[in-house]
Every structure is written in structure tokens, then in C-alpha cells.
Amino acid sequence: MVAALLLSACVTINVYFPAAEAKEAAKVFVEKVINDAEAPKSDGGGGMAYEAPRHGFRLAAFDPLMLLGISPAYAQSPDFNIQTPAIAAIQGRMEQRFDSQLRPHFDSGALGFTEDGLVVVRDAAALALKDRVPVNTAVADENRDRKAVYREIAVANGHPEWEAQIRSVFAKQWVDSARSGWWYQRGGAWKQK
């Protein structure tokens, strides 16, 4: 009886990184920043949350421990949240910066996406001398906001340890959403989409 009581007190719930939900959330976020005419629309209320589909019930398989009164526990799949005031503020700055300062330099080939989800001046010779300082400043601001948004998304989902995985998902999405002619890193080499 004591052993059964001890066993029933021990419950382990594993929470795995929701890769599919993160990928969908990253797509919505990135397309909004890049501001393509074909970008997915928000929910109308200004929100950008991606909610995983929910299932009403789960048919439990037979577990021998159920005979002792120990029932299995199932972790609910998390809602991958990218809707907080901090994330919205960062996204707003990124949208404005992308349209006004970065897009022309992606189009010219001067800027590119790195493998770690950041932006870098790929070809300084493609920048007019007068544009070099403002573009470098915009790139530094963009990278600061990107790092902050990856961290904020991990924290908003209650898993700060997911930051590296979120960064990786976003890095791939920036490349996937890149327009024809834009540059990105893959395996340390530059490639043009």
C-alpha cells in the first residue's frame, strides 16, 4: 500500500518543443515584418497568436498501473504564443525598419540573412558611401530586436530554454520568406534565392 502511494505521487510530464506550431507562428511573424501583399492576415483583433488545434478527448490505452489507482497523465499541447505587448512592440519596430531602411538593401544584394536568424551587411560595396553608417546602425538595431524577440517568445511560452530552437525556426523562416534575388547563408556560403 505504501509503495502504491509513493508511485502515485510521482508524476513526470515531458513538454517537448512544439516545432510545427513554432514554424507556423514564425511564418506569420516574418511575413508581417517583410510585409508582403500575400502575407497571412491576423485574427482581426490585432493578435498574432497561433493556437494549436485541440482535441476534445483522448482514449487512454490500458496501463497496468491503473489497477493500483495510478492513472496516466497527458500533457496538453501548448498554445505557441507570440502575442504579448513586448513582442508586438518589437514587431512594430521591425516592420517599420524593414520597409524604410532594410528592404532596398536586401533588393540590391548589400544585406543578407545569416544562418543564426540575424541580418548582416553582405556586400558593403553595394552601399553608397552616405548609406553605410545608417545601414550599419539599422542592421545593429534589427539584430538587437531579433535577439530580443526570440527571447521574448521563449519566455511568453513559459520555456526560456526554447530560445535556441525558436531562433533556429525563425532563421529558416527568414530564408523561406526571402524574396527572389535576396541573399542568405547556408553552410557558411552565400546563396541567392
N, C-alpha and C. Protein backbone atom coordinates (compact mmCIF):
# COMPACT_ATOMS: atom_id res chain seq x y z
N MET A 1 0.83 -1.19 0.00
CA MET A 1 0.00 0.00 0.00
C MET A 1 0.88 1.26 0.00
N VAL A 2 1.95 1.26 0.79
CA VAL A 2 2.85 2.42 0.85
C VAL A 2 3.54 2.61 -0.50
N ALA A 3 3.94 1.50 -1.12
CA ALA A 3 4.61 1.58 -2.43
C ALA A 3 3.66 2.17 -3.48
N ALA A 4 2.41 1.76 -3.43
CA ALA A 4 1.43 2.29 -4.38
C ALA A 4 1.22 3.78 -4.15
N LEU A 5 1.18 4.20 -2.90
CA LEU A 5 1.02 5.61 -2.57
C LEU A 5 2.22 6.42 -3.07
N LEU A 6 3.42 5.90 -2.90
CA LEU A 6 4.62 6.59 -3.38
C LEU A 6 4.64 6.67 -4.90
N LEU A 7 4.25 5.59 -5.56
CA LEU A 7 4.21 5.60 -7.01
C LEU A 7 3.20 6.60 -7.54
N SER A 8 2.07 6.73 -6.89
CA SER A 8 1.04 7.66 -7.36
C SER A 8 1.45 9.10 -7.15
N ALA A 9 2.39 9.36 -6.26
CA ALA A 9 2.85 10.73 -6.01
C ALA A 9 3.88 11.18 -7.04
N CYS A 10 4.47 10.25 -7.76
CA CYS A 10 5.49 10.58 -8.75
C CYS A 10 4.86 10.68 -10.13
N VAL A 11 4.82 11.88 -10.66
CA VAL A 11 4.27 12.10 -11.99
C VAL A 11 5.30 12.90 -12.77
N THR A 12 5.64 12.42 -13.93
CA THR A 12 6.56 13.14 -14.80
C THR A 12 5.81 13.51 -16.06
N ILE A 13 5.86 14.78 -16.39
CA ILE A 13 5.23 15.25 -17.61
C ILE A 13 6.33 15.87 -18.46
N ASN A 14 6.54 15.32 -19.62
CA ASN A 14 7.54 15.84 -20.54
C ASN A 14 6.87 16.83 -21.48
N VAL A 15 7.47 18.01 -21.61
CA VAL A 15 6.98 19.01 -22.53
C VAL A 15 8.02 19.15 -23.63
N TYR A 16 7.61 18.84 -24.84
CA TYR A 16 8.51 18.90 -25.97
C TYR A 16 8.30 20.19 -26.74
N PHE A 17 9.36 20.65 -27.39
CA PHE A 17 9.28 21.86 -28.20
C PHE A 17 8.27 21.65 -29.33
N PRO A 18 7.25 22.51 -29.43
CA PRO A 18 6.20 22.35 -30.45
C PRO A 18 6.67 22.91 -31.80
N ALA A 19 7.47 22.13 -32.51
CA ALA A 19 8.11 22.60 -33.74
C ALA A 19 7.11 23.06 -34.80
N ALA A 20 6.05 22.31 -35.02
CA ALA A 20 5.08 22.68 -36.05
C ALA A 20 4.39 24.01 -35.70
N GLU A 21 4.02 24.16 -34.43
CA GLU A 21 3.37 25.40 -34.00
C GLU A 21 4.33 26.58 -34.09
N ALA A 22 5.59 26.35 -33.73
CA ALA A 22 6.61 27.40 -33.81
C ALA A 22 6.83 27.82 -35.25
N LYS A 23 6.85 26.85 -36.16
CA LYS A 23 7.06 27.15 -37.57
C LYS A 23 5.92 28.01 -38.11
N GLU A 24 4.69 27.66 -37.77
CA GLU A 24 3.53 28.44 -38.24
C GLU A 24 3.55 29.85 -37.64
N ALA A 25 3.88 29.96 -36.36
CA ALA A 25 3.95 31.27 -35.72
C ALA A 25 5.06 32.12 -36.34
N ALA A 26 6.20 31.51 -36.62
CA ALA A 26 7.31 32.22 -37.25
C ALA A 26 6.91 32.74 -38.63
N LYS A 27 6.18 31.92 -39.38
CA LYS A 27 5.74 32.33 -40.72
C LYS A 27 4.85 33.57 -40.63
N VAL A 28 3.90 33.56 -39.71
CA VAL A 28 3.00 34.69 -39.54
C VAL A 28 3.80 35.94 -39.16
N PHE A 29 4.70 35.80 -38.20
CA PHE A 29 5.50 36.92 -37.72
C PHE A 29 6.38 37.49 -38.83
N VAL A 30 7.14 36.62 -39.50
CA VAL A 30 8.10 37.05 -40.53
C VAL A 30 7.38 37.70 -41.71
N GLU A 31 6.30 37.09 -42.16
CA GLU A 31 5.58 37.68 -43.29
C GLU A 31 5.01 39.05 -42.94
N LYS A 32 4.62 39.24 -41.70
CA LYS A 32 4.12 40.55 -41.28
C LYS A 32 5.25 41.58 -41.29
N VAL A 33 6.44 41.17 -40.87
CA VAL A 33 7.59 42.09 -40.88
C VAL A 33 8.00 42.41 -42.31
N ILE A 34 8.12 41.38 -43.13
CA ILE A 34 8.51 41.60 -44.52
C ILE A 34 7.41 42.34 -45.27
N ASN A 35 6.17 42.19 -44.79
CA ASN A 35 5.04 42.97 -45.28
C ASN A 35 4.73 42.69 -46.74
N ASP A 36 4.63 41.44 -47.08
CA ASP A 36 4.26 41.03 -48.43
C ASP A 36 2.75 41.19 -48.59
N ALA A 37 2.32 41.54 -49.77
CA ALA A 37 0.89 41.70 -50.04
C ALA A 37 0.14 40.38 -49.85
N GLU A 38 0.83 39.26 -49.98
CA GLU A 38 0.20 37.96 -49.83
C GLU A 38 0.37 37.40 -48.42
N ALA A 39 0.82 38.22 -47.48
CA ALA A 39 1.08 37.74 -46.13
C ALA A 39 -0.21 37.29 -45.46
N PRO A 40 -0.11 36.28 -44.57
CA PRO A 40 -1.29 35.86 -43.81
C PRO A 40 -1.82 37.00 -42.97
N LYS A 41 -3.10 37.13 -42.89
CA LYS A 41 -3.72 38.19 -42.10
C LYS A 41 -3.84 37.77 -40.65
N SER A 42 -3.85 38.76 -39.76
CA SER A 42 -4.03 38.46 -38.34
C SER A 42 -5.49 38.12 -38.09
N ASP A 43 -5.82 37.84 -36.85
CA ASP A 43 -7.17 37.42 -36.50
C ASP A 43 -8.18 38.56 -36.47
N GLY A 44 -7.77 39.77 -36.90
CA GLY A 44 -8.70 40.89 -36.94
C GLY A 44 -8.67 41.71 -35.67
N GLY A 45 -8.24 41.14 -34.58
CA GLY A 45 -8.17 41.86 -33.32
C GLY A 45 -6.77 42.35 -33.04
N GLY A 46 -5.90 42.31 -34.04
CA GLY A 46 -4.54 42.78 -33.86
C GLY A 46 -3.66 41.71 -33.24
N GLY A 47 -4.20 40.54 -32.98
CA GLY A 47 -3.42 39.49 -32.33
C GLY A 47 -2.61 38.71 -33.33
N MET A 48 -1.57 38.07 -32.85
CA MET A 48 -0.72 37.27 -33.70
C MET A 48 -0.49 35.91 -33.06
N ALA A 49 -1.41 35.45 -32.25
CA ALA A 49 -1.21 34.16 -31.59
C ALA A 49 -1.55 33.03 -32.54
N TYR A 50 -0.79 31.99 -32.45
CA TYR A 50 -1.10 30.78 -33.20
C TYR A 50 -1.57 29.77 -32.18
N GLU A 51 -2.75 29.25 -32.39
CA GLU A 51 -3.29 28.29 -31.44
C GLU A 51 -3.35 26.93 -32.09
N ALA A 52 -2.74 25.98 -31.45
CA ALA A 52 -2.75 24.61 -31.96
C ALA A 52 -4.15 24.04 -31.86
N PRO A 53 -4.52 23.18 -32.82
CA PRO A 53 -5.85 22.57 -32.73
C PRO A 53 -5.97 21.73 -31.48
N ARG A 54 -7.14 21.74 -30.89
CA ARG A 54 -7.37 20.98 -29.67
C ARG A 54 -8.30 19.81 -29.97
N HIS A 55 -8.08 18.74 -29.24
CA HIS A 55 -8.93 17.58 -29.37
C HIS A 55 -9.71 17.43 -28.08
N GLY A 56 -10.97 17.09 -28.21
CA GLY A 56 -11.86 17.05 -27.06
C GLY A 56 -11.55 15.96 -26.06
N PHE A 57 -11.06 14.82 -26.51
CA PHE A 57 -10.78 13.74 -25.57
C PHE A 57 -9.67 12.87 -26.13
N ARG A 58 -9.11 12.08 -25.28
CA ARG A 58 -8.08 11.14 -25.67
C ARG A 58 -8.45 9.78 -25.09
N LEU A 59 -8.47 8.79 -25.93
CA LEU A 59 -8.77 7.44 -25.50
C LEU A 59 -7.49 6.87 -24.90
N ALA A 60 -7.51 6.59 -23.63
CA ALA A 60 -6.31 6.11 -22.94
C ALA A 60 -6.12 4.62 -23.18
N ALA A 61 -4.88 4.26 -23.41
CA ALA A 61 -4.54 2.84 -23.54
C ALA A 61 -4.51 2.25 -22.13
N PHE A 62 -4.66 0.95 -22.06
CA PHE A 62 -4.62 0.30 -20.76
C PHE A 62 -3.21 0.36 -20.20
N ASP A 63 -3.12 0.80 -18.97
CA ASP A 63 -1.84 0.87 -18.26
C ASP A 63 -2.01 0.02 -17.01
N PRO A 64 -1.14 -0.97 -16.77
CA PRO A 64 -1.28 -1.85 -15.61
C PRO A 64 -1.30 -1.08 -14.28
N LEU A 65 -0.67 0.09 -14.24
CA LEU A 65 -0.66 0.87 -13.00
C LEU A 65 -2.05 1.40 -12.66
N MET A 66 -2.95 1.40 -13.66
CA MET A 66 -4.31 1.85 -13.41
C MET A 66 -5.01 0.93 -12.40
N LEU A 67 -4.58 -0.34 -12.34
CA LEU A 67 -5.15 -1.28 -11.38
C LEU A 67 -4.83 -0.86 -9.94
N LEU A 68 -3.74 -0.09 -9.78
CA LEU A 68 -3.36 0.38 -8.45
C LEU A 68 -3.91 1.78 -8.17
N GLY A 69 -4.70 2.29 -9.10
CA GLY A 69 -5.28 3.63 -8.89
C GLY A 69 -4.39 4.74 -9.42
N ILE A 70 -3.37 4.40 -10.21
CA ILE A 70 -2.47 5.41 -10.77
C ILE A 70 -2.83 5.58 -12.23
N SER A 71 -3.38 6.70 -12.55
CA SER A 71 -3.79 6.93 -13.94
C SER A 71 -2.71 7.75 -14.66
N PRO A 72 -2.59 7.52 -15.96
CA PRO A 72 -1.58 8.24 -16.73
C PRO A 72 -1.96 9.71 -16.88
N ALA A 73 -0.95 10.56 -17.00
CA ALA A 73 -1.17 11.99 -17.22
C ALA A 73 -0.66 12.34 -18.60
N TYR A 74 -1.41 13.16 -19.30
CA TYR A 74 -1.02 13.60 -20.63
C TYR A 74 -0.86 15.11 -20.61
N ALA A 75 0.25 15.56 -21.19
CA ALA A 75 0.48 17.00 -21.28
C ALA A 75 -0.31 17.54 -22.46
N GLN A 76 -1.00 18.64 -22.23
CA GLN A 76 -1.75 19.28 -23.31
C GLN A 76 -0.75 19.97 -24.22
N SER A 77 -0.98 19.89 -25.54
CA SER A 77 -0.05 20.57 -26.43
C SER A 77 -0.18 22.08 -26.20
N PRO A 78 0.96 22.76 -26.10
CA PRO A 78 0.94 24.18 -25.74
C PRO A 78 0.43 25.05 -26.89
N ASP A 79 -0.18 26.17 -26.51
CA ASP A 79 -0.51 27.20 -27.49
C ASP A 79 0.78 27.99 -27.68
N PHE A 80 1.25 28.07 -28.89
CA PHE A 80 2.50 28.79 -29.13
C PHE A 80 2.17 30.26 -29.24
N ASN A 81 2.53 31.01 -28.21
CA ASN A 81 2.11 32.40 -28.06
C ASN A 81 3.16 33.36 -28.60
N ILE A 82 2.76 34.20 -29.54
CA ILE A 82 3.62 35.30 -29.98
C ILE A 82 2.87 36.62 -29.83
N GLN A 83 1.94 36.64 -28.88
CA GLN A 83 1.13 37.83 -28.67
C GLN A 83 1.33 38.34 -27.25
N THR A 84 2.28 39.24 -27.09
CA THR A 84 2.46 39.96 -25.83
C THR A 84 2.75 41.41 -26.20
N PRO A 85 2.57 42.34 -25.29
CA PRO A 85 2.89 43.74 -25.62
C PRO A 85 4.35 43.92 -26.03
N ALA A 86 5.27 43.22 -25.38
CA ALA A 86 6.69 43.36 -25.72
C ALA A 86 6.97 42.86 -27.13
N ILE A 87 6.40 41.71 -27.49
CA ILE A 87 6.61 41.15 -28.82
C ILE A 87 5.97 42.05 -29.87
N ALA A 88 4.78 42.56 -29.60
CA ALA A 88 4.10 43.46 -30.55
C ALA A 88 4.92 44.73 -30.78
N ALA A 89 5.50 45.28 -29.73
CA ALA A 89 6.32 46.49 -29.86
C ALA A 89 7.56 46.22 -30.71
N ILE A 90 8.21 45.10 -30.46
CA ILE A 90 9.40 44.73 -31.24
C ILE A 90 9.02 44.52 -32.70
N GLN A 91 7.92 43.80 -32.92
CA GLN A 91 7.49 43.52 -34.29
C GLN A 91 7.16 44.82 -35.03
N GLY A 92 6.54 45.77 -34.36
CA GLY A 92 6.23 47.06 -34.97
C GLY A 92 7.49 47.79 -35.40
N ARG A 93 8.51 47.80 -34.54
CA ARG A 93 9.78 48.45 -34.90
C ARG A 93 10.42 47.74 -36.10
N MET A 94 10.36 46.40 -36.08
CA MET A 94 10.98 45.63 -37.16
C MET A 94 10.28 45.89 -38.49
N GLU A 95 8.95 45.95 -38.47
CA GLU A 95 8.19 46.24 -39.70
C GLU A 95 8.58 47.59 -40.28
N GLN A 96 8.58 48.60 -39.42
CA GLN A 96 8.89 49.96 -39.87
C GLN A 96 10.32 50.03 -40.41
N ARG A 97 11.27 49.45 -39.69
CA ARG A 97 12.68 49.46 -40.11
C ARG A 97 12.86 48.71 -41.42
N PHE A 98 12.18 47.58 -41.55
CA PHE A 98 12.35 46.78 -42.76
C PHE A 98 11.89 47.55 -43.98
N ASP A 99 10.70 48.16 -43.87
CA ASP A 99 10.17 48.91 -45.01
C ASP A 99 11.00 50.14 -45.34
N SER A 100 11.40 50.89 -44.33
CA SER A 100 12.04 52.17 -44.60
C SER A 100 13.56 52.09 -44.77
N GLN A 101 14.22 51.10 -44.15
CA GLN A 101 15.68 51.11 -44.17
C GLN A 101 16.33 49.84 -44.72
N LEU A 102 15.71 48.69 -44.57
CA LEU A 102 16.39 47.46 -44.93
C LEU A 102 16.01 46.89 -46.30
N ARG A 103 14.75 46.94 -46.65
CA ARG A 103 14.28 46.32 -47.90
C ARG A 103 15.10 46.74 -49.13
N PRO A 104 15.36 48.04 -49.32
CA PRO A 104 16.12 48.43 -50.53
C PRO A 104 17.50 47.77 -50.58
N HIS A 105 18.08 47.52 -49.43
CA HIS A 105 19.43 46.96 -49.40
C HIS A 105 19.42 45.43 -49.50
N PHE A 106 18.29 44.79 -49.16
CA PHE A 106 18.13 43.38 -49.49
C PHE A 106 17.96 43.25 -51.00
N ASP A 107 17.17 44.17 -51.58
CA ASP A 107 16.93 44.15 -53.02
C ASP A 107 18.22 44.36 -53.81
N SER A 108 19.12 45.21 -53.31
CA SER A 108 20.37 45.49 -54.02
C SER A 108 21.43 44.41 -53.79
N GLY A 109 21.21 43.54 -52.81
CA GLY A 109 22.18 42.49 -52.52
C GLY A 109 23.19 42.87 -51.45
N ALA A 110 23.07 44.07 -50.90
CA ALA A 110 24.02 44.50 -49.88
C ALA A 110 23.82 43.75 -48.57
N LEU A 111 22.58 43.40 -48.25
CA LEU A 111 22.26 42.71 -47.00
C LEU A 111 21.90 41.26 -47.25
N GLY A 112 22.08 40.44 -46.22
CA GLY A 112 21.68 39.05 -46.32
C GLY A 112 21.28 38.52 -44.96
N PHE A 113 20.59 37.39 -44.97
CA PHE A 113 20.18 36.70 -43.75
C PHE A 113 21.26 35.70 -43.36
N THR A 114 21.63 35.70 -42.09
CA THR A 114 22.62 34.73 -41.61
C THR A 114 21.94 33.44 -41.19
N GLU A 115 22.75 32.41 -40.97
CA GLU A 115 22.22 31.11 -40.58
C GLU A 115 21.64 31.12 -39.17
N ASP A 116 22.00 32.13 -38.37
CA ASP A 116 21.51 32.17 -36.99
C ASP A 116 20.38 33.17 -36.79
N GLY A 117 19.67 33.52 -37.87
CA GLY A 117 18.48 34.34 -37.75
C GLY A 117 18.73 35.83 -37.62
N LEU A 118 19.89 36.29 -38.06
CA LEU A 118 20.21 37.71 -37.99
C LEU A 118 20.39 38.27 -39.40
N VAL A 119 20.73 39.57 -39.47
CA VAL A 119 20.97 40.26 -40.73
C VAL A 119 22.41 40.75 -40.70
N VAL A 120 23.06 40.74 -41.86
CA VAL A 120 24.44 41.21 -41.94
C VAL A 120 24.64 41.98 -43.24
N VAL A 121 25.58 42.93 -43.21
CA VAL A 121 25.97 43.60 -44.45
C VAL A 121 26.85 42.60 -45.19
N ARG A 122 26.32 42.10 -46.28
CA ARG A 122 26.98 41.06 -47.06
C ARG A 122 27.96 41.65 -48.06
N ASP A 123 27.60 42.78 -48.65
CA ASP A 123 28.42 43.41 -49.68
C ASP A 123 28.41 44.92 -49.46
N ALA A 124 29.39 45.42 -48.70
CA ALA A 124 29.46 46.85 -48.39
C ALA A 124 29.65 47.69 -49.65
N ALA A 125 30.25 47.12 -50.69
CA ALA A 125 30.47 47.86 -51.94
C ALA A 125 29.15 48.19 -52.64
N ALA A 126 28.09 47.45 -52.32
CA ALA A 126 26.78 47.72 -52.92
C ALA A 126 26.07 48.89 -52.24
N LEU A 127 26.66 49.41 -51.15
CA LEU A 127 26.09 50.54 -50.43
C LEU A 127 26.78 51.83 -50.84
N ALA A 128 26.01 52.87 -51.09
CA ALA A 128 26.60 54.19 -51.33
C ALA A 128 27.30 54.62 -50.06
N LEU A 129 28.37 55.37 -50.19
CA LEU A 129 29.16 55.80 -49.04
C LEU A 129 28.29 56.49 -47.99
N LYS A 130 27.35 57.32 -48.43
CA LYS A 130 26.47 58.05 -47.50
C LYS A 130 25.52 57.12 -46.75
N ASP A 131 25.27 55.93 -47.28
CA ASP A 131 24.33 54.99 -46.67
C ASP A 131 24.98 54.02 -45.69
N ARG A 132 26.29 53.94 -45.67
CA ARG A 132 26.96 52.90 -44.88
C ARG A 132 26.70 53.02 -43.38
N VAL A 133 26.84 54.19 -42.82
CA VAL A 133 26.62 54.35 -41.37
C VAL A 133 25.14 54.11 -41.02
N PRO A 134 24.19 54.74 -41.74
CA PRO A 134 22.78 54.47 -41.40
C PRO A 134 22.39 52.99 -41.56
N VAL A 135 22.90 52.33 -42.58
CA VAL A 135 22.57 50.92 -42.79
C VAL A 135 23.18 50.06 -41.69
N ASN A 136 24.43 50.33 -41.33
CA ASN A 136 25.05 49.57 -40.23
C ASN A 136 24.30 49.77 -38.92
N THR A 137 23.82 50.99 -38.69
CA THR A 137 23.02 51.26 -37.49
C THR A 137 21.70 50.51 -37.54
N ALA A 138 21.05 50.52 -38.70
CA ALA A 138 19.78 49.80 -38.85
C ALA A 138 19.97 48.30 -38.67
N VAL A 139 21.07 47.75 -39.19
CA VAL A 139 21.36 46.32 -39.03
C VAL A 139 21.59 45.99 -37.56
N ALA A 140 22.33 46.84 -36.85
CA ALA A 140 22.57 46.60 -35.42
C ALA A 140 21.25 46.65 -34.64
N ASP A 141 20.40 47.63 -34.94
CA ASP A 141 19.10 47.73 -34.29
C ASP A 141 18.23 46.51 -34.60
N GLU A 142 18.25 46.08 -35.86
CA GLU A 142 17.46 44.92 -36.29
C GLU A 142 17.92 43.67 -35.54
N ASN A 143 19.21 43.46 -35.46
CA ASN A 143 19.73 42.27 -34.78
C ASN A 143 19.44 42.29 -33.29
N ARG A 144 19.49 43.46 -32.68
CA ARG A 144 19.13 43.59 -31.26
C ARG A 144 17.66 43.21 -31.06
N ASP A 145 16.78 43.69 -31.95
CA ASP A 145 15.36 43.35 -31.85
C ASP A 145 15.10 41.87 -32.15
N ARG A 146 15.82 41.30 -33.10
CA ARG A 146 15.64 39.88 -33.40
C ARG A 146 16.01 39.01 -32.20
N LYS A 147 17.14 39.32 -31.59
CA LYS A 147 17.55 38.55 -30.40
C LYS A 147 16.51 38.71 -29.29
N ALA A 148 16.01 39.92 -29.13
CA ALA A 148 15.01 40.18 -28.08
C ALA A 148 13.71 39.43 -28.37
N VAL A 149 13.29 39.38 -29.63
CA VAL A 149 12.02 38.71 -29.94
C VAL A 149 12.15 37.20 -29.76
N TYR A 150 13.29 36.62 -30.09
CA TYR A 150 13.47 35.18 -29.89
C TYR A 150 13.39 34.86 -28.39
N ARG A 151 14.02 35.72 -27.60
CA ARG A 151 13.99 35.53 -26.14
C ARG A 151 12.58 35.73 -25.59
N GLU A 152 11.89 36.79 -26.04
CA GLU A 152 10.54 37.10 -25.56
C GLU A 152 9.54 36.00 -25.91
N ILE A 153 9.67 35.43 -27.10
CA ILE A 153 8.75 34.35 -27.49
C ILE A 153 8.96 33.14 -26.60
N ALA A 154 10.22 32.82 -26.31
CA ALA A 154 10.50 31.68 -25.42
C ALA A 154 9.91 31.94 -24.04
N VAL A 155 10.10 33.13 -23.52
CA VAL A 155 9.58 33.48 -22.19
C VAL A 155 8.05 33.51 -22.20
N ALA A 156 7.44 34.05 -23.25
CA ALA A 156 5.98 34.13 -23.34
C ALA A 156 5.36 32.74 -23.35
N ASN A 157 6.10 31.75 -23.80
CA ASN A 157 5.60 30.38 -23.83
C ASN A 157 6.00 29.60 -22.60
N GLY A 158 6.61 30.29 -21.63
CA GLY A 158 6.96 29.64 -20.36
C GLY A 158 8.15 28.70 -20.45
N HIS A 159 8.94 28.81 -21.51
CA HIS A 159 10.09 27.93 -21.69
C HIS A 159 11.29 28.72 -22.21
N PRO A 160 11.98 29.45 -21.33
CA PRO A 160 13.15 30.21 -21.79
C PRO A 160 14.21 29.33 -22.44
N GLU A 161 14.22 28.05 -22.09
CA GLU A 161 15.21 27.13 -22.66
C GLU A 161 14.94 26.85 -24.14
N TRP A 162 13.81 27.27 -24.68
CA TRP A 162 13.48 27.08 -26.09
C TRP A 162 14.09 28.15 -26.99
N GLU A 163 14.77 29.14 -26.42
CA GLU A 163 15.24 30.27 -27.22
C GLU A 163 16.08 29.85 -28.43
N ALA A 164 17.00 28.93 -28.25
CA ALA A 164 17.85 28.49 -29.37
C ALA A 164 17.01 27.80 -30.45
N GLN A 165 16.03 27.01 -30.04
CA GLN A 165 15.18 26.34 -31.02
C GLN A 165 14.30 27.34 -31.76
N ILE A 166 13.80 28.34 -31.04
CA ILE A 166 12.99 29.38 -31.67
C ILE A 166 13.84 30.16 -32.67
N ARG A 167 15.05 30.49 -32.29
CA ARG A 167 15.96 31.20 -33.20
C ARG A 167 16.18 30.38 -34.47
N SER A 168 16.37 29.08 -34.32
CA SER A 168 16.60 28.20 -35.46
C SER A 168 15.39 28.15 -36.39
N VAL A 169 14.19 28.06 -35.81
CA VAL A 169 12.96 28.05 -36.61
C VAL A 169 12.81 29.37 -37.36
N PHE A 170 13.06 30.48 -36.68
CA PHE A 170 12.95 31.78 -37.31
C PHE A 170 14.02 31.96 -38.39
N ALA A 171 15.24 31.49 -38.15
CA ALA A 171 16.31 31.63 -39.14
C ALA A 171 15.90 30.96 -40.45
N LYS A 172 15.31 29.79 -40.35
CA LYS A 172 14.84 29.09 -41.55
C LYS A 172 13.69 29.85 -42.19
N GLN A 173 12.80 30.41 -41.39
CA GLN A 173 11.65 31.12 -41.94
C GLN A 173 12.05 32.40 -42.65
N TRP A 174 13.05 33.13 -42.13
CA TRP A 174 13.51 34.34 -42.82
C TRP A 174 13.96 33.98 -44.23
N VAL A 175 14.67 32.86 -44.37
CA VAL A 175 15.14 32.43 -45.68
C VAL A 175 13.97 31.97 -46.54
N ASP A 176 13.07 31.19 -45.96
CA ASP A 176 11.91 30.70 -46.71
C ASP A 176 11.05 31.86 -47.23
N SER A 177 10.97 32.94 -46.46
CA SER A 177 10.14 34.09 -46.84
C SER A 177 10.90 35.12 -47.66
N ALA A 178 12.20 34.92 -47.85
CA ALA A 178 13.00 35.86 -48.63
C ALA A 178 12.47 35.94 -50.05
N ARG A 179 12.58 37.11 -50.63
CA ARG A 179 12.11 37.32 -51.99
C ARG A 179 13.20 36.90 -52.98
N SER A 180 12.81 36.68 -54.18
CA SER A 180 13.75 36.31 -55.24
C SER A 180 14.83 37.38 -55.35
N GLY A 181 16.08 36.93 -55.40
CA GLY A 181 17.21 37.85 -55.52
C GLY A 181 17.86 38.19 -54.19
N TRP A 182 17.21 37.91 -53.07
CA TRP A 182 17.80 38.18 -51.77
C TRP A 182 18.82 37.11 -51.43
N TRP A 183 19.78 37.47 -50.56
CA TRP A 183 20.88 36.59 -50.21
C TRP A 183 20.69 36.00 -48.82
N TYR A 184 21.22 34.79 -48.64
CA TYR A 184 21.17 34.12 -47.34
C TYR A 184 22.38 33.19 -47.22
N GLN A 185 22.73 32.88 -45.98
CA GLN A 185 23.84 31.95 -45.72
C GLN A 185 23.31 30.54 -45.56
N ARG A 186 24.05 29.60 -46.11
CA ARG A 186 23.74 28.19 -45.92
C ARG A 186 25.07 27.45 -45.92
N GLY A 187 25.39 26.80 -44.82
CA GLY A 187 26.65 26.07 -44.71
C GLY A 187 27.86 26.98 -44.78
N GLY A 188 27.71 28.22 -44.34
CA GLY A 188 28.81 29.18 -44.34
C GLY A 188 29.00 29.91 -45.67
N ALA A 189 28.28 29.50 -46.71
CA ALA A 189 28.41 30.13 -48.02
C ALA A 189 27.17 30.98 -48.32
N TRP A 190 27.36 32.01 -49.12
CA TRP A 190 26.25 32.87 -49.51
C TRP A 190 25.55 32.29 -50.74
N LYS A 191 24.23 32.31 -50.71
CA LYS A 191 23.41 31.85 -51.82
C LYS A 191 22.35 32.90 -52.11
N GLN A 192 21.96 32.98 -53.35
CA GLN A 192 20.92 33.93 -53.74
C GLN A 192 19.65 33.17 -54.05
N LYS A 193 18.57 33.67 -53.53
CA LYS A 193 17.27 32.99 -53.73
C LYS A 193 16.74 33.29 -55.12
